[in-house]
Amino acid sequence: MKSLQKILTEITQLTANIETNYPELYDYLEENPMTLPVKEEPHMEKKVMEDYLESLKLLLKHHLETHTGKKK
């Protein structure tokens, strides 16, 4: 099981990859730290971040599958 710190690091790296290599996709993230839910229960925060990471991965995967000829 991943630690919250590892999940946050993966989110940061994936977001940077999208921003650098897929700027057209980055616009769809509408990422704003103020909108990310923060719960007092640490397990809930971890679950929220895991879900967010998975959604980023799926967004990029869908983009790559539907836009042939793009970088992977």
C-alpha atoms as a PDB file:
ATOM      1  CA  MET A   1       0.000   0.000   0.000  1.00  0.00           C
ATOM      2  CA  LYS A   2       1.337   3.427  -0.971  1.00  0.00           C
ATOM      3  CA  SER A   3       1.949   6.162   1.560  1.00  0.00           C
ATOM      4  CA  LEU A   4       0.182   9.488   1.197  1.00  0.00           C
ATOM      5  CA  GLN A   5       3.541  11.154   0.462  1.00  0.00           C
ATOM      6  CA  LYS A   6       4.214   8.726  -2.414  1.00  0.00           C
ATOM      7  CA  ILE A   7       0.741   9.351  -3.843  1.00  0.00           C
ATOM      8  CA  LEU A   8       1.248  13.119  -3.679  1.00  0.00           C
ATOM      9  CA  THR A   9       4.641  12.756  -5.375  1.00  0.00           C
ATOM     10  CA  GLU A  10       3.064  10.720  -8.189  1.00  0.00           C
ATOM     11  CA  ILE A  11       0.319  13.328  -8.601  1.00  0.00           C
ATOM     12  CA  THR A  12       2.933  16.080  -8.841  1.00  0.00           C
ATOM     13  CA  GLN A  13       5.019  14.167 -11.398  1.00  0.00           C
ATOM     14  CA  LEU A  14       2.017  13.196 -13.517  1.00  0.00           C
ATOM     15  CA  THR A  15       0.620  16.722 -13.450  1.00  0.00           C
ATOM     16  CA  ALA A  16       4.009  18.125 -14.496  1.00  0.00           C
ATOM     17  CA  ASN A  17       4.182  15.583 -17.335  1.00  0.00           C
ATOM     18  CA  ILE A  18       0.718  16.595 -18.543  1.00  0.00           C
ATOM     19  CA  GLU A  19       1.542  20.297 -18.262  1.00  0.00           C
ATOM     20  CA  THR A  20       4.813  19.894 -20.197  1.00  0.00           C
ATOM     21  CA  ASN A  21       3.884  17.321 -22.833  1.00  0.00           C
ATOM     22  CA  TYR A  22       0.121  17.718 -23.198  1.00  0.00           C
ATOM     23  CA  PRO A  23      -0.744  21.381 -22.571  1.00  0.00           C
ATOM     24  CA  GLU A  24      -4.043  20.923 -24.411  1.00  0.00           C
ATOM     25  CA  LEU A  25      -5.017  18.376 -21.769  1.00  0.00           C
ATOM     26  CA  TYR A  26      -3.686  20.392 -18.846  1.00  0.00           C
ATOM     27  CA  ASP A  27      -6.402  22.983 -19.419  1.00  0.00           C
ATOM     28  CA  TYR A  28      -9.006  20.339 -18.537  1.00  0.00           C
ATOM     29  CA  LEU A  29      -7.559  19.621 -15.115  1.00  0.00           C
ATOM     30  CA  GLU A  30      -9.006  22.779 -13.586  1.00  0.00           C
ATOM     31  CA  GLU A  31      -6.681  22.043 -10.716  1.00  0.00           C
ATOM     32  CA  ASN A  32      -6.997  24.341  -7.767  1.00  0.00           C
ATOM     33  CA  PRO A  33      -5.618  23.282  -4.376  1.00  0.00           C
ATOM     34  CA  MET A  34      -8.521  25.058  -2.704  1.00  0.00           C
ATOM     35  CA  THR A  35     -10.981  22.662  -4.336  1.00  0.00           C
ATOM     36  CA  LEU A  36      -9.219  19.476  -3.259  1.00  0.00           C
ATOM     37  CA  PRO A  37     -11.062  18.119  -0.249  1.00  0.00           C
ATOM     38  CA  VAL A  38      -9.095  17.838   2.966  1.00  0.00           C
ATOM     39  CA  LYS A  39     -10.576  15.615   5.648  1.00  0.00           C
ATOM     40  CA  GLU A  40      -9.556  15.260   9.247  1.00  0.00           C
ATOM     41  CA  GLU A  41      -9.542  11.485   8.844  1.00  0.00           C
ATOM     42  CA  PRO A  42      -6.096  10.680   7.298  1.00  0.00           C
ATOM     43  CA  HIS A  43      -7.337   7.496   5.629  1.00  0.00           C
ATOM     44  CA  MET A  44     -10.059   9.460   3.878  1.00  0.00           C
ATOM     45  CA  GLU A  45      -7.549  12.019   2.598  1.00  0.00           C
ATOM     46  CA  LYS A  46      -5.383   9.201   1.295  1.00  0.00           C
ATOM     47  CA  LYS A  47      -8.382   7.619  -0.467  1.00  0.00           C
ATOM     48  CA  VAL A  48      -9.313  10.961  -2.036  1.00  0.00           C
ATOM     49  CA  MET A  49      -5.750  11.424  -3.291  1.00  0.00           C
ATOM     50  CA  GLU A  50      -5.597   7.834  -4.612  1.00  0.00           C
ATOM     51  CA  ASP A  51      -8.846   8.466  -6.504  1.00  0.00           C
ATOM     52  CA  TYR A  52      -7.495  11.746  -7.857  1.00  0.00           C
ATOM     53  CA  LEU A  53      -4.283  10.067  -9.021  1.00  0.00           C
ATOM     54  CA  GLU A  54      -6.270   7.335 -10.739  1.00  0.00           C
ATOM     55  CA  SER A  55      -8.463   9.936 -12.463  1.00  0.00           C
ATOM     56  CA  LEU A  56      -5.347  11.706 -13.779  1.00  0.00           C
ATOM     57  CA  LYS A  57      -3.973   8.427 -15.118  1.00  0.00           C
ATOM     58  CA  LEU A  58      -7.283   7.616 -16.817  1.00  0.00           C
ATOM     59  CA  LEU A  59      -7.522  11.106 -18.304  1.00  0.00           C
ATOM     60  CA  LEU A  60      -4.051  10.789 -19.833  1.00  0.00           C
ATOM     61  CA  LYS A  61      -4.701   7.232 -21.035  1.00  0.00           C
ATOM     62  CA  HIS A  62      -7.950   8.263 -22.728  1.00  0.00           C
ATOM     63  CA  HIS A  63      -6.221  11.250 -24.317  1.00  0.00           C
ATOM     64  CA  LEU A  64      -3.422   9.064 -25.702  1.00  0.00           C
ATOM     65  CA  GLU A  65      -5.876   6.475 -27.025  1.00  0.00           C
ATOM     66  CA  THR A  66      -8.059   9.055 -28.779  1.00  0.00           C
ATOM     67  CA  HIS A  67      -5.294  11.255 -30.159  1.00  0.00           C
ATOM     68  CA  THR A  68      -3.127   8.940 -32.246  1.00  0.00           C
ATOM     69  CA  GLY A  69       0.369  10.079 -33.040  1.00  0.00           C
ATOM     70  CA  LYS A  70       0.813  11.797 -29.685  1.00  0.00           C
ATOM     71  CA  LYS A  71       3.711  11.185 -27.327  1.00  0.00           C
ATOM     72  CA  LYS A  72       3.319   8.484 -24.712  1.00  0.00           C
END
